[in-house]
C-alpha atoms as a PDB file:
ATOM      1  CA  UNK A   1     110.067  75.363  17.986  1.00  0.00           C
ATOM      2  CA  UNK A   2     112.691  77.900  17.329  1.00  0.00           C
ATOM      3  CA  UNK A   3     112.661  81.702  18.469  1.00  0.00           C
ATOM      4  CA  UNK A   4     112.456  82.923  14.499  1.00  0.00           C
ATOM      5  CA  UNK A   5     109.561  80.678  13.833  1.00  0.00           C
ATOM      6  CA  UNK A   6     107.640  81.132  16.882  1.00  0.00           C
ATOM      7  CA  UNK A   7     108.607  84.964  15.957  1.00  0.00           C
ATOM      8  CA  UNK A   8     107.071  84.458  12.732  1.00  0.00           C
ATOM      9  CA  UNK A   9     104.048  83.197  13.790  1.00  0.00           C
ATOM     10  CA  UNK A  10     103.307  85.434  15.978  1.00  0.00           C
ATOM     11  CA  UNK A  11     104.203  87.856  13.053  1.00  0.00           C
ATOM     12  CA  UNK A  12     101.708  86.794  10.740  1.00  0.00           C
ATOM     13  CA  UNK A  13      98.623  85.887  13.621  1.00  0.00           C
ATOM     14  CA  UNK A  14      99.109  89.761  14.385  1.00  0.00           C
ATOM     15  CA  UNK A  15      98.173  90.842  10.512  1.00  0.00           C
ATOM     16  CA  UNK A  16      94.291  89.036  11.227  1.00  0.00           C
ATOM     17  CA  UNK A  17      92.372  87.699  13.810  1.00  0.00           C
ATOM     18  CA  UNK A  18      91.686  84.908  11.491  1.00  0.00           C
ATOM     19  CA  UNK A  19      94.590  82.369  10.723  1.00  0.00           C
ATOM     20  CA  UNK A  20      94.939  79.054   9.133  1.00  0.00           C
ATOM     21  CA  UNK A  21      97.552  76.711  11.033  1.00  0.00           C
ATOM     22  CA  UNK A  22      99.139  73.463   9.558  1.00  0.00           C
ATOM     23  CA  UNK A  23      99.500  70.535  11.419  1.00  0.00           C
ATOM     24  CA  UNK A  24     102.381  68.413  11.600  1.00  0.00           C
ATOM     25  CA  UNK A  25     100.515  65.583  11.144  1.00  0.00           C
ATOM     26  CA  UNK A  26      96.623  64.769   9.971  1.00  0.00           C
ATOM     27  CA  UNK A  27      94.490  63.714  12.601  1.00  0.00           C
ATOM     28  CA  UNK A  28      91.220  62.295  12.736  1.00  0.00           C
ATOM     29  CA  UNK A  29      88.426  62.763  14.953  1.00  0.00           C
ATOM     30  CA  UNK A  30      85.082  60.560  15.155  1.00  0.00           C
ATOM     31  CA  UNK A  31      85.592  60.065  10.788  1.00  0.00           C
ATOM     32  CA  UNK A  32      86.681  63.885   9.656  1.00  0.00           C
ATOM     33  CA  UNK A  33      90.215  64.245   8.955  1.00  0.00           C
ATOM     34  CA  UNK A  34      92.224  67.701  10.339  1.00  0.00           C
ATOM     35  CA  UNK A  35      95.082  68.477   8.124  1.00  0.00           C
ATOM     36  CA  UNK A  36      94.491  72.265   9.237  1.00  0.00           C
ATOM     37  CA  UNK A  37      92.665  74.599  11.494  1.00  0.00           C
ATOM     38  CA  UNK A  38      91.226  78.141  11.042  1.00  0.00           C
ATOM     39  CA  UNK A  39      90.993  79.799  14.579  1.00  0.00           C
ATOM     40  CA  UNK A  40      88.765  83.002  14.659  1.00  0.00           C
ATOM     41  CA  UNK A  41      90.303  84.437  17.420  1.00  0.00           C
ATOM     42  CA  UNK A  42      87.737  87.366  16.846  1.00  0.00           C
ATOM     43  CA  UNK A  43      85.027  85.567  17.328  1.00  0.00           C
ATOM     44  CA  UNK A  44      85.863  84.902  21.059  1.00  0.00           C
ATOM     45  CA  UNK A  45      84.079  87.309  23.767  1.00  0.00           C
ATOM     46  CA  UNK A  46      84.601  88.235  27.173  1.00  0.00           C
ATOM     47  CA  UNK A  47      81.623  85.651  28.062  1.00  0.00           C
ATOM     48  CA  UNK A  48      84.119  82.918  26.835  1.00  0.00           C
ATOM     49  CA  UNK A  49      87.249  84.453  28.576  1.00  0.00           C
ATOM     50  CA  UNK A  50      84.681  84.316  31.872  1.00  0.00           C
ATOM     51  CA  UNK A  51      83.967  81.055  31.430  1.00  0.00           C
ATOM     52  CA  UNK A  52      86.875  79.213  31.105  1.00  0.00           C
ATOM     53  CA  UNK A  53      88.308  80.976  33.560  1.00  0.00           C
ATOM     54  CA  UNK A  54      85.361  79.194  35.779  1.00  0.00           C
ATOM     55  CA  UNK A  55      86.589  75.860  34.154  1.00  0.00           C
ATOM     56  CA  UNK A  56      88.934  73.404  36.464  1.00  0.00           C
ATOM     57  CA  UNK A  57      92.366  72.871  36.406  1.00  0.00           C
ATOM     58  CA  UNK A  58      92.263  77.152  34.805  1.00  0.00           C
ATOM     59  CA  UNK A  59      92.633  78.802  37.849  1.00  0.00           C
ATOM     60  CA  UNK A  60      96.545  77.494  39.153  1.00  0.00           C
ATOM     61  CA  UNK A  61      98.730  79.607  41.636  1.00  0.00           C
ATOM     62  CA  UNK A  62     101.720  78.406  39.550  1.00  0.00           C
ATOM     63  CA  UNK A  63     100.011  80.510  36.700  1.00  0.00           C
ATOM     64  CA  UNK A  64      98.916  83.780  37.848  1.00  0.00           C
ATOM     65  CA  UNK A  65      97.683  85.140  34.787  1.00  0.00           C
ATOM     66  CA  UNK A  66      95.623  83.141  32.542  1.00  0.00           C
ATOM     67  CA  UNK A  67      97.214  83.942  29.934  1.00  0.00           C
ATOM     68  CA  UNK A  68      99.781  82.003  30.907  1.00  0.00           C
ATOM     69  CA  UNK A  69      98.087  79.118  31.638  1.00  0.00           C
ATOM     70  CA  UNK A  70      98.392  76.123  29.336  1.00  0.00           C
ATOM     71  CA  UNK A  71      94.680  75.182  29.961  1.00  0.00           C
ATOM     72  CA  UNK A  72      93.216  78.164  29.600  1.00  0.00           C
ATOM     73  CA  UNK A  73      94.861  78.968  26.166  1.00  0.00           C
ATOM     74  CA  UNK A  74      94.076  75.761  24.996  1.00  0.00           C
ATOM     75  CA  UNK A  75      90.687  76.162  25.775  1.00  0.00           C
ATOM     76  CA  UNK A  76      91.094  79.925  24.114  1.00  0.00           C
ATOM     77  CA  UNK A  77      92.672  77.855  20.961  1.00  0.00           C
ATOM     78  CA  UNK A  78      89.746  74.989  21.517  1.00  0.00           C
ATOM     79  CA  UNK A  79      86.823  77.546  20.808  1.00  0.00           C
ATOM     80  CA  UNK A  80      88.612  79.280  18.328  1.00  0.00           C
ATOM     81  CA  UNK A  81      88.885  76.324  15.808  1.00  0.00           C
ATOM     82  CA  UNK A  82      85.476  75.067  16.549  1.00  0.00           C
ATOM     83  CA  UNK A  83      86.616  72.299  18.488  1.00  0.00           C
ATOM     84  CA  UNK A  84      85.928  70.759  22.346  1.00  0.00           C
ATOM     85  CA  UNK A  85      88.625  70.740  24.519  1.00  0.00           C
ATOM     86  CA  UNK A  86      88.752  67.095  24.145  1.00  0.00           C
ATOM     87  CA  UNK A  87      89.036  66.652  20.389  1.00  0.00           C
ATOM     88  CA  UNK A  88      92.552  69.626  20.834  1.00  0.00           C
ATOM     89  CA  UNK A  89      93.301  67.091  22.926  1.00  0.00           C
ATOM     90  CA  UNK A  90      93.777  64.285  20.438  1.00  0.00           C
ATOM     91  CA  UNK A  91      96.091  66.455  18.709  1.00  0.00           C
ATOM     92  CA  UNK A  92     100.045  65.846  18.198  1.00  0.00           C
ATOM     93  CA  UNK A  93     101.978  67.683  21.421  1.00  0.00           C
ATOM     94  CA  UNK A  94     104.126  69.809  18.874  1.00  0.00           C
ATOM     95  CA  UNK A  95     100.786  71.629  17.495  1.00  0.00           C
ATOM     96  CA  UNK A  96      99.749  71.838  20.984  1.00  0.00           C
ATOM     97  CA  UNK A  97     102.392  73.681  22.092  1.00  0.00           C
ATOM     98  CA  UNK A  98     102.515  76.018  18.318  1.00  0.00           C
ATOM     99  CA  UNK A  99      98.961  76.798  19.008  1.00  0.00           C
ATOM    100  CA  UNK A 100      99.158  77.619  22.579  1.00  0.00           C
ATOM    101  CA  UNK A 101     102.567  79.703  21.479  1.00  0.00           C
ATOM    102  CA  UNK A 102     100.284  81.559  18.719  1.00  0.00           C
ATOM    103  CA  UNK A 103      96.969  82.016  21.322  1.00  0.00           C
ATOM    104  CA  UNK A 104      99.354  83.985  23.329  1.00  0.00           C
ATOM    105  CA  UNK A 105     100.881  85.803  21.047  1.00  0.00           C
ATOM    106  CA  UNK A 106      97.299  87.039  19.964  1.00  0.00           C
ATOM    107  CA  UNK A 107      95.921  87.314  23.417  1.00  0.00           C
ATOM    108  CA  UNK A 108      99.250  89.202  24.711  1.00  0.00           C
ATOM    109  CA  UNK A 109      99.884  91.768  22.361  1.00  0.00           C
ATOM    110  CA  UNK A 110      96.453  92.289  22.057  1.00  0.00           C
ATOM    111  CA  UNK A 111      96.584  93.765  25.402  1.00  0.00           C
ATOM    112  CA  UNK A 112      99.875  95.272  25.097  1.00  0.00           C
ATOM    113  CA  UNK A 113      98.040  97.493  22.357  1.00  0.00           C
ATOM    114  CA  UNK A 114      95.673  98.067  24.668  1.00  0.00           C
ATOM    115  CA  UNK A 115      98.167  99.243  27.376  1.00  0.00           C
ATOM    116  CA  UNK A 116      99.703 101.360  24.631  1.00  0.00           C
ATOM    117  CA  UNK A 117      97.564 103.721  23.722  1.00  0.00           C
END
């Protein structure tokens, strides 16, 4: 993914806490076909953050900041999209990468907004 495209996705996400992401190709899971995902980060709570932080494989010495840990961020994406992590894992890697970048952009921009005030 190009830096310009990544920047555009992050800018779009910063405009709203709910965004639609068009998948690179349709994905069918349990007789439901997905062509896009609606990510509602605004519905997530600190309780979600704590629960996800305690999942196996999330805490890692290689990634001491959860917002940089792919497993943590994919769990955030799954919850924001109303999916399970097992469903999300069936999406193409290109979409998984783009979705983690969107979530990281949201999480980090939210943190920077609070820190700057």
